[in-house]
Amino acid sequence: MKGAMETLTRYQAKELGARGIRVNIVAPGAIETDFGGGVVRDNKQLNSLIASQTALGRVGLPDDIGGVIALLCMPEMSWVTAQRLEASGGMFL
């Protein structure tokens, strides 16, 4: 599914670029949310394990991803399209 989404992103960027529409995809790492029943957020042992595998030493928070989305919406990012932006805190480096 991830590969399909990245391919779709490239196709949409090519198709919509002539209209000035940029298309990018954000690939988040483990984030403390309700996703998956909140297991990353609520299971302290899993949270610690993931944090130990992350360069920044912690699991991501929703605001970490929100900031990435906000960045992509800025006018200064107007030349960025068809890109996969990983926001994982450096997982598995």
N, C-alpha and C. Protein backbone atom coordinates (compact mmCIF):
# COMPACT_ATOMS: atom_id res chain seq x y z
N MET A 1 0.82 -1.18 0.00
CA MET A 1 0.00 0.00 0.00
C MET A 1 0.87 1.25 0.00
N LYS A 2 1.96 1.23 0.78
CA LYS A 2 2.82 2.42 0.84
C LYS A 2 3.42 2.73 -0.52
N GLY A 3 3.87 1.69 -1.22
CA GLY A 3 4.43 1.88 -2.55
C GLY A 3 3.39 2.41 -3.52
N ALA A 4 2.17 1.93 -3.40
CA ALA A 4 1.09 2.40 -4.27
C ALA A 4 0.80 3.87 -4.01
N MET A 5 0.82 4.28 -2.75
CA MET A 5 0.56 5.69 -2.43
C MET A 5 1.66 6.60 -2.97
N GLU A 6 2.91 6.13 -2.90
CA GLU A 6 4.02 6.93 -3.43
C GLU A 6 3.92 7.04 -4.94
N THR A 7 3.54 5.96 -5.61
CA THR A 7 3.37 5.99 -7.07
C THR A 7 2.21 6.91 -7.44
N LEU A 8 1.11 6.81 -6.71
CA LEU A 8 -0.04 7.69 -6.96
C LEU A 8 0.35 9.15 -6.79
N THR A 9 1.17 9.43 -5.79
CA THR A 9 1.63 10.80 -5.56
C THR A 9 2.36 11.34 -6.78
N ARG A 10 3.24 10.54 -7.35
CA ARG A 10 3.98 10.98 -8.54
C ARG A 10 3.07 11.21 -9.73
N TYR A 11 2.13 10.28 -9.94
CA TYR A 11 1.20 10.42 -11.06
C TYR A 11 0.32 11.67 -10.88
N GLN A 12 -0.18 11.89 -9.67
CA GLN A 12 -1.02 13.07 -9.43
C GLN A 12 -0.22 14.35 -9.60
N ALA A 13 1.03 14.36 -9.14
CA ALA A 13 1.87 15.55 -9.30
C ALA A 13 2.05 15.88 -10.78
N LYS A 14 2.29 14.85 -11.58
CA LYS A 14 2.46 15.06 -13.03
C LYS A 14 1.17 15.56 -13.67
N GLU A 15 0.06 14.96 -13.30
CA GLU A 15 -1.24 15.31 -13.88
C GLU A 15 -1.71 16.70 -13.46
N LEU A 16 -1.49 17.06 -12.21
CA LEU A 16 -2.04 18.30 -11.68
C LEU A 16 -1.06 19.48 -11.69
N GLY A 17 0.19 19.21 -11.98
CA GLY A 17 1.22 20.24 -11.96
C GLY A 17 0.93 21.41 -12.89
N ALA A 18 0.37 21.13 -14.05
CA ALA A 18 0.06 22.20 -15.01
C ALA A 18 -0.95 23.20 -14.45
N ARG A 19 -1.71 22.78 -13.46
CA ARG A 19 -2.68 23.68 -12.83
C ARG A 19 -2.12 24.32 -11.57
N GLY A 20 -0.84 24.11 -11.30
CA GLY A 20 -0.19 24.70 -10.15
C GLY A 20 -0.47 23.97 -8.85
N ILE A 21 -0.95 22.74 -8.96
CA ILE A 21 -1.26 21.96 -7.77
C ILE A 21 -0.08 21.04 -7.47
N ARG A 22 0.42 21.14 -6.24
CA ARG A 22 1.53 20.31 -5.80
C ARG A 22 0.99 19.11 -5.04
N VAL A 23 1.63 17.96 -5.23
CA VAL A 23 1.20 16.74 -4.55
C VAL A 23 2.43 16.10 -3.92
N ASN A 24 2.38 15.89 -2.62
CA ASN A 24 3.46 15.25 -1.88
C ASN A 24 2.83 14.25 -0.91
N ILE A 25 3.67 13.40 -0.35
CA ILE A 25 3.18 12.42 0.63
C ILE A 25 4.08 12.46 1.85
N VAL A 26 3.49 12.39 3.01
CA VAL A 26 4.23 12.36 4.27
C VAL A 26 4.18 10.93 4.81
N ALA A 27 5.35 10.40 5.16
CA ALA A 27 5.46 9.06 5.73
C ALA A 27 5.86 9.20 7.19
N PRO A 28 4.90 9.16 8.10
CA PRO A 28 5.23 9.32 9.52
C PRO A 28 5.78 8.04 10.12
N GLY A 29 6.58 8.19 11.14
CA GLY A 29 7.02 7.05 11.93
C GLY A 29 5.97 6.73 12.97
N ALA A 30 6.36 6.09 14.04
CA ALA A 30 5.43 5.76 15.12
C ALA A 30 5.02 7.03 15.85
N ILE A 31 3.72 7.25 15.93
CA ILE A 31 3.16 8.46 16.53
C ILE A 31 2.19 8.07 17.64
N GLU A 32 2.23 8.79 18.74
CA GLU A 32 1.32 8.54 19.87
C GLU A 32 -0.08 9.06 19.53
N THR A 33 -0.89 8.19 18.93
CA THR A 33 -2.26 8.54 18.57
C THR A 33 -3.19 7.38 18.93
N ASP A 34 -4.46 7.51 18.55
CA ASP A 34 -5.43 6.43 18.74
C ASP A 34 -5.29 5.34 17.68
N PHE A 35 -4.51 5.59 16.64
CA PHE A 35 -4.34 4.61 15.56
C PHE A 35 -3.88 3.28 16.13
N GLY A 36 -4.43 2.21 15.63
CA GLY A 36 -4.07 0.88 16.13
C GLY A 36 -4.48 0.66 17.57
N GLY A 37 -5.55 1.33 17.99
CA GLY A 37 -6.02 1.18 19.36
C GLY A 37 -5.17 1.93 20.37
N GLY A 38 -4.30 2.82 19.91
CA GLY A 38 -3.47 3.62 20.81
C GLY A 38 -2.32 2.85 21.42
N VAL A 39 -1.93 1.74 20.80
CA VAL A 39 -0.92 0.87 21.39
C VAL A 39 0.43 1.56 21.56
N VAL A 40 0.84 2.39 20.61
CA VAL A 40 2.12 3.10 20.74
C VAL A 40 2.05 4.11 21.88
N ARG A 41 0.93 4.74 22.03
CA ARG A 41 0.74 5.73 23.08
C ARG A 41 0.59 5.10 24.47
N ASP A 42 -0.18 4.02 24.54
CA ASP A 42 -0.58 3.46 25.83
C ASP A 42 0.33 2.35 26.36
N ASN A 43 1.05 1.69 25.51
CA ASN A 43 1.93 0.60 25.94
C ASN A 43 3.33 1.16 26.17
N LYS A 44 3.67 1.41 27.43
CA LYS A 44 4.95 2.05 27.77
C LYS A 44 6.15 1.22 27.31
N GLN A 45 6.03 -0.10 27.36
CA GLN A 45 7.14 -0.96 26.93
C GLN A 45 7.38 -0.82 25.43
N LEU A 46 6.30 -0.85 24.64
CA LEU A 46 6.43 -0.68 23.19
C LEU A 46 6.93 0.72 22.88
N ASN A 47 6.42 1.71 23.58
CA ASN A 47 6.84 3.10 23.38
C ASN A 47 8.34 3.23 23.61
N SER A 48 8.84 2.63 24.68
CA SER A 48 10.28 2.69 25.00
C SER A 48 11.11 1.96 23.95
N LEU A 49 10.62 0.82 23.48
CA LEU A 49 11.33 0.06 22.45
C LEU A 49 11.47 0.88 21.18
N ILE A 50 10.38 1.48 20.74
CA ILE A 50 10.41 2.31 19.52
C ILE A 50 11.33 3.51 19.73
N ALA A 51 11.22 4.16 20.87
CA ALA A 51 12.07 5.32 21.16
C ALA A 51 13.54 4.95 21.10
N SER A 52 13.88 3.75 21.54
CA SER A 52 15.29 3.32 21.53
C SER A 52 15.81 3.08 20.11
N GLN A 53 14.90 2.92 19.16
CA GLN A 53 15.27 2.69 17.76
C GLN A 53 15.19 3.97 16.93
N THR A 54 14.99 5.09 17.59
CA THR A 54 14.80 6.37 16.92
C THR A 54 15.93 7.32 17.26
N ALA A 55 16.50 7.95 16.24
CA ALA A 55 17.65 8.85 16.45
C ALA A 55 17.34 9.97 17.44
N LEU A 56 16.12 10.47 17.44
CA LEU A 56 15.76 11.55 18.35
C LEU A 56 15.35 11.05 19.72
N GLY A 57 15.33 9.72 19.92
CA GLY A 57 15.14 9.14 21.23
C GLY A 57 13.75 9.19 21.81
N ARG A 58 12.75 9.34 20.97
CA ARG A 58 11.37 9.36 21.46
C ARG A 58 10.43 8.97 20.34
N VAL A 59 9.21 8.66 20.72
CA VAL A 59 8.14 8.40 19.76
C VAL A 59 7.56 9.75 19.36
N GLY A 60 7.06 9.84 18.14
CA GLY A 60 6.51 11.09 17.65
C GLY A 60 5.18 11.45 18.29
N LEU A 61 4.89 12.73 18.25
CA LEU A 61 3.62 13.28 18.73
C LEU A 61 2.84 13.83 17.54
N PRO A 62 1.52 13.93 17.65
CA PRO A 62 0.73 14.46 16.53
C PRO A 62 1.24 15.81 16.02
N ASP A 63 1.67 16.68 16.90
CA ASP A 63 2.17 18.00 16.47
C ASP A 63 3.43 17.88 15.62
N ASP A 64 4.20 16.81 15.80
CA ASP A 64 5.38 16.61 14.97
C ASP A 64 4.98 16.46 13.50
N ILE A 65 3.90 15.77 13.25
CA ILE A 65 3.42 15.56 11.88
C ILE A 65 2.68 16.80 11.38
N GLY A 66 1.92 17.43 12.26
CA GLY A 66 1.22 18.66 11.87
C GLY A 66 2.17 19.73 11.38
N GLY A 67 3.33 19.83 12.02
CA GLY A 67 4.34 20.79 11.59
C GLY A 67 4.87 20.51 10.20
N VAL A 68 5.02 19.24 9.89
CA VAL A 68 5.49 18.84 8.55
C VAL A 68 4.46 19.23 7.49
N ILE A 69 3.19 18.97 7.79
CA ILE A 69 2.12 19.33 6.86
C ILE A 69 2.07 20.85 6.67
N ALA A 70 2.18 21.58 7.77
CA ALA A 70 2.17 23.05 7.68
C ALA A 70 3.34 23.54 6.85
N LEU A 71 4.50 22.93 7.02
CA LEU A 71 5.68 23.31 6.24
C LEU A 71 5.42 23.13 4.75
N LEU A 72 4.83 22.00 4.36
CA LEU A 72 4.55 21.74 2.95
C LEU A 72 3.55 22.73 2.35
N CYS A 73 2.74 23.35 3.20
CA CYS A 73 1.73 24.32 2.72
C CYS A 73 2.29 25.74 2.58
N MET A 74 3.50 25.96 3.05
CA MET A 74 4.08 27.30 3.00
C MET A 74 4.44 27.70 1.56
N PRO A 75 4.30 28.98 1.22
CA PRO A 75 4.68 29.44 -0.12
C PRO A 75 6.14 29.13 -0.47
N GLU A 76 7.00 29.12 0.54
CA GLU A 76 8.42 28.84 0.30
C GLU A 76 8.65 27.40 -0.19
N MET A 77 7.67 26.56 -0.05
CA MET A 77 7.78 25.17 -0.50
C MET A 77 7.12 24.96 -1.86
N SER A 78 6.86 26.04 -2.57
CA SER A 78 6.11 25.96 -3.82
C SER A 78 6.82 25.20 -4.94
N TRP A 79 8.08 24.90 -4.79
CA TRP A 79 8.82 24.18 -5.83
C TRP A 79 8.95 22.70 -5.49
N VAL A 80 8.31 22.27 -4.42
CA VAL A 80 8.39 20.88 -3.98
C VAL A 80 7.12 20.16 -4.39
N THR A 81 7.27 19.14 -5.22
CA THR A 81 6.14 18.31 -5.62
C THR A 81 6.63 16.91 -5.95
N ALA A 82 5.73 15.94 -5.86
CA ALA A 82 6.01 14.53 -6.17
C ALA A 82 7.05 13.93 -5.22
N GLN A 83 7.08 14.41 -3.97
CA GLN A 83 8.08 13.94 -3.03
C GLN A 83 7.46 13.18 -1.87
N ARG A 84 8.23 12.23 -1.38
CA ARG A 84 7.89 11.49 -0.15
C ARG A 84 8.74 12.09 0.96
N LEU A 85 8.10 12.64 1.96
CA LEU A 85 8.81 13.25 3.08
C LEU A 85 8.63 12.37 4.30
N GLU A 86 9.71 11.75 4.75
CA GLU A 86 9.65 10.90 5.93
C GLU A 86 9.79 11.76 7.17
N ALA A 87 8.88 11.56 8.09
CA ALA A 87 8.91 12.28 9.37
C ALA A 87 8.85 11.22 10.47
N SER A 88 10.01 10.62 10.72
CA SER A 88 10.05 9.48 11.63
C SER A 88 10.98 9.69 12.82
N GLY A 89 11.58 10.85 12.93
CA GLY A 89 12.53 11.07 14.00
C GLY A 89 13.82 10.29 13.83
N GLY A 90 14.02 9.75 12.63
CA GLY A 90 15.23 8.97 12.35
C GLY A 90 15.13 7.52 12.81
N MET A 91 13.98 6.90 12.61
CA MET A 91 13.83 5.49 13.00
C MET A 91 14.78 4.61 12.21
N PHE A 92 15.39 3.68 12.91
CA PHE A 92 16.23 2.62 12.34
C PHE A 92 17.46 3.13 11.59
N LEU A 93 18.00 4.26 11.99
CA LEU A 93 19.24 4.75 11.36
C LEU A 93 20.43 3.96 11.84
